[in-house]
Amino acid sequence: MGRRPGAAARAGLLDGESLSTGGAILRRHIEDRTERLALPAYAALGDAHCEHLAELASAFGRAGVEAGLLKPG
């Protein structure tokens, strides 16, 4: 028995195992909006604290990639 398509596939956001053109456009919109909404928080931290935060967060990112939960890039 084959897999039932999930909500993303039913919404036309997937083309097989990859994002469809519409899915890629939606993802870019979400990424852009997330970055815009995060800017005030990062501005309040300042450059030095943002660099420190990135150092702390990189271990979490590596762990997610190594566990197969995240794709690099």
C-alpha atoms as a PDB file:
ATOM      1  CA  MET A   1       0.000   0.000   0.000  1.00  0.00           C
ATOM      2  CA  GLY A   2       1.460   3.416  -1.001  1.00  0.00           C
ATOM      3  CA  ARG A   3       1.881   6.390   1.274  1.00  0.00           C
ATOM      4  CA  ARG A   4      -1.012   8.823   1.450  1.00  0.00           C
ATOM      5  CA  PRO A   5      -0.021  12.326   0.435  1.00  0.00           C
ATOM      6  CA  GLY A   6       0.404  14.726   3.327  1.00  0.00           C
ATOM      7  CA  ALA A   7      -1.035  18.211   3.576  1.00  0.00           C
ATOM      8  CA  ALA A   8       1.966  19.776   1.818  1.00  0.00           C
ATOM      9  CA  ALA A   9       1.582  17.435  -1.160  1.00  0.00           C
ATOM     10  CA  ARG A  10      -2.173  17.968  -1.288  1.00  0.00           C
ATOM     11  CA  ALA A  11      -1.590  21.728  -1.250  1.00  0.00           C
ATOM     12  CA  GLY A  12       0.737  21.408  -4.253  1.00  0.00           C
ATOM     13  CA  LEU A  13       3.846  22.387  -2.293  1.00  0.00           C
ATOM     14  CA  LEU A  14       5.759  19.233  -3.193  1.00  0.00           C
ATOM     15  CA  ASP A  15       6.920  17.747  -6.458  1.00  0.00           C
ATOM     16  CA  GLY A  16       7.772  14.202  -5.474  1.00  0.00           C
ATOM     17  CA  GLU A  17      10.270  14.456  -2.615  1.00  0.00           C
ATOM     18  CA  SER A  18      11.242  18.068  -3.414  1.00  0.00           C
ATOM     19  CA  LEU A  19       9.536  21.415  -3.117  1.00  0.00           C
ATOM     20  CA  SER A  20       7.439  22.442  -6.081  1.00  0.00           C
ATOM     21  CA  THR A  21       7.860  25.918  -7.528  1.00  0.00           C
ATOM     22  CA  GLY A  22       4.981  27.082  -5.333  1.00  0.00           C
ATOM     23  CA  GLY A  23       6.515  25.355  -2.329  1.00  0.00           C
ATOM     24  CA  ALA A  24       9.856  27.064  -2.935  1.00  0.00           C
ATOM     25  CA  ILE A  25       8.152  30.455  -3.246  1.00  0.00           C
ATOM     26  CA  LEU A  26       6.263  29.880   0.014  1.00  0.00           C
ATOM     27  CA  ARG A  27       9.435  28.751   1.783  1.00  0.00           C
ATOM     28  CA  ARG A  28      11.312  31.875   0.610  1.00  0.00           C
ATOM     29  CA  HIS A  29       8.424  34.055   1.815  1.00  0.00           C
ATOM     30  CA  ILE A  30       8.469  32.376   5.239  1.00  0.00           C
ATOM     31  CA  GLU A  31      12.271  32.665   5.496  1.00  0.00           C
ATOM     32  CA  ASP A  32      12.215  36.362   4.502  1.00  0.00           C
ATOM     33  CA  ARG A  33       9.427  37.153   6.957  1.00  0.00           C
ATOM     34  CA  THR A  34      11.174  35.277   9.769  1.00  0.00           C
ATOM     35  CA  GLU A  35      14.377  37.240   9.133  1.00  0.00           C
ATOM     36  CA  ARG A  36      12.512  40.579   9.119  1.00  0.00           C
ATOM     37  CA  LEU A  37      10.705  39.756  12.358  1.00  0.00           C
ATOM     38  CA  ALA A  38      13.940  38.631  14.045  1.00  0.00           C
ATOM     39  CA  LEU A  39      15.924  41.771  13.161  1.00  0.00           C
ATOM     40  CA  PRO A  40      14.814  43.841  16.189  1.00  0.00           C
ATOM     41  CA  ALA A  41      15.887  41.092  18.596  1.00  0.00           C
ATOM     42  CA  TYR A  42      19.299  40.753  16.982  1.00  0.00           C
ATOM     43  CA  ALA A  43      19.732  44.533  16.869  1.00  0.00           C
ATOM     44  CA  ALA A  44      19.028  44.692  20.601  1.00  0.00           C
ATOM     45  CA  LEU A  45      21.736  42.075  21.248  1.00  0.00           C
ATOM     46  CA  GLY A  46      24.403  43.883  19.235  1.00  0.00           C
ATOM     47  CA  ASP A  47      27.134  42.362  17.091  1.00  0.00           C
ATOM     48  CA  ALA A  48      29.287  40.834  19.841  1.00  0.00           C
ATOM     49  CA  HIS A  49      26.364  39.084  21.526  1.00  0.00           C
ATOM     50  CA  CYS A  50      25.009  37.894  18.167  1.00  0.00           C
ATOM     51  CA  GLU A  51      28.377  36.311  17.393  1.00  0.00           C
ATOM     52  CA  HIS A  52      28.362  34.599  20.788  1.00  0.00           C
ATOM     53  CA  LEU A  53      24.802  33.373  20.199  1.00  0.00           C
ATOM     54  CA  ALA A  54      25.845  31.952  16.813  1.00  0.00           C
ATOM     55  CA  GLU A  55      28.729  30.096  18.464  1.00  0.00           C
ATOM     56  CA  LEU A  56      26.373  28.601  21.038  1.00  0.00           C
ATOM     57  CA  ALA A  57      23.731  27.678  18.463  1.00  0.00           C
ATOM     58  CA  SER A  58      26.150  26.045  16.014  1.00  0.00           C
ATOM     59  CA  ALA A  59      26.457  22.965  18.228  1.00  0.00           C
ATOM     60  CA  PHE A  60      22.679  22.495  18.050  1.00  0.00           C
ATOM     61  CA  GLY A  61      22.721  22.848  14.282  1.00  0.00           C
ATOM     62  CA  ARG A  62      25.534  20.328  13.891  1.00  0.00           C
ATOM     63  CA  ALA A  63      23.714  17.867  16.143  1.00  0.00           C
ATOM     64  CA  GLY A  64      20.552  18.242  14.062  1.00  0.00           C
ATOM     65  CA  VAL A  65      22.457  17.610  10.817  1.00  0.00           C
ATOM     66  CA  GLU A  66      24.321  14.629  12.274  1.00  0.00           C
ATOM     67  CA  ALA A  67      21.032  13.141  13.503  1.00  0.00           C
ATOM     68  CA  GLY A  68      19.546  13.539  10.029  1.00  0.00           C
ATOM     69  CA  LEU A  69      16.944  16.042  11.232  1.00  0.00           C
ATOM     70  CA  LEU A  70      18.295  18.978   9.202  1.00  0.00           C
ATOM     71  CA  LYS A  71      19.820  19.309   5.769  1.00  0.00           C
ATOM     72  CA  PRO A  72      22.859  21.591   5.584  1.00  0.00           C
ATOM     73  CA  GLY A  73      22.578  24.628   3.349  1.00  0.00           C
END
